[in-house]
C-alpha cells in the first residue's frame, strides 16, 4: 500500500504548477482579446467623431457660402468647426448648385489610438432639382403577380 501512495505522490509532484501555467495562458488570451476590443472601439469612436465633424463642417461651409462669402472664408469656417470637433480639414470645396444655391463638400481626418487615420466625407447644400432626377414608376403587382 505504501508503494501505491509513493506512485501517486510522484504523479502529483510532476503535475505541480500546471494550473499556474493554465491560468497564465487564460489571462494572456483574455488580455489580448480585451486589447483588441479596445482598439476596435477606439476606431469606431474616431469614425463617428470624424463623421460628425465632416457633417458639421459641410453645414458650416454651406451656411457661410449662403451669405455670399467666397470659397476661402467658407472653408476657413469649415476648418474651424472641424478642429473644434477633433478633426483636421483635408479638403473643402464650395460651388453653386442647382438654381444658384451653394453646395459644400468637405473631407476631414482624425486619428484613432495614435496609430490609425480615419477619413470621412460630407456634403451639404443644394440637391438636384426635380428636372434632374429621373424617377421610374414602380411596378404594380396585381393578384396574379408581375
Foldseek 3Di string as FASTA:
>chain_A
DVVVVVVVVVVVVVCPCVVVVVVVVVVVVVVVVVVVVVQVVLVVVQQVLQQVLQAVLQVQLLVVVQVVDDNVVSNVRSQVSSVVSAWGWDDKDWDQDPPRRIKMKTKIWHDGPVPRIHIDIDMDIDDDDPVVDDDDDDDDADPVGD
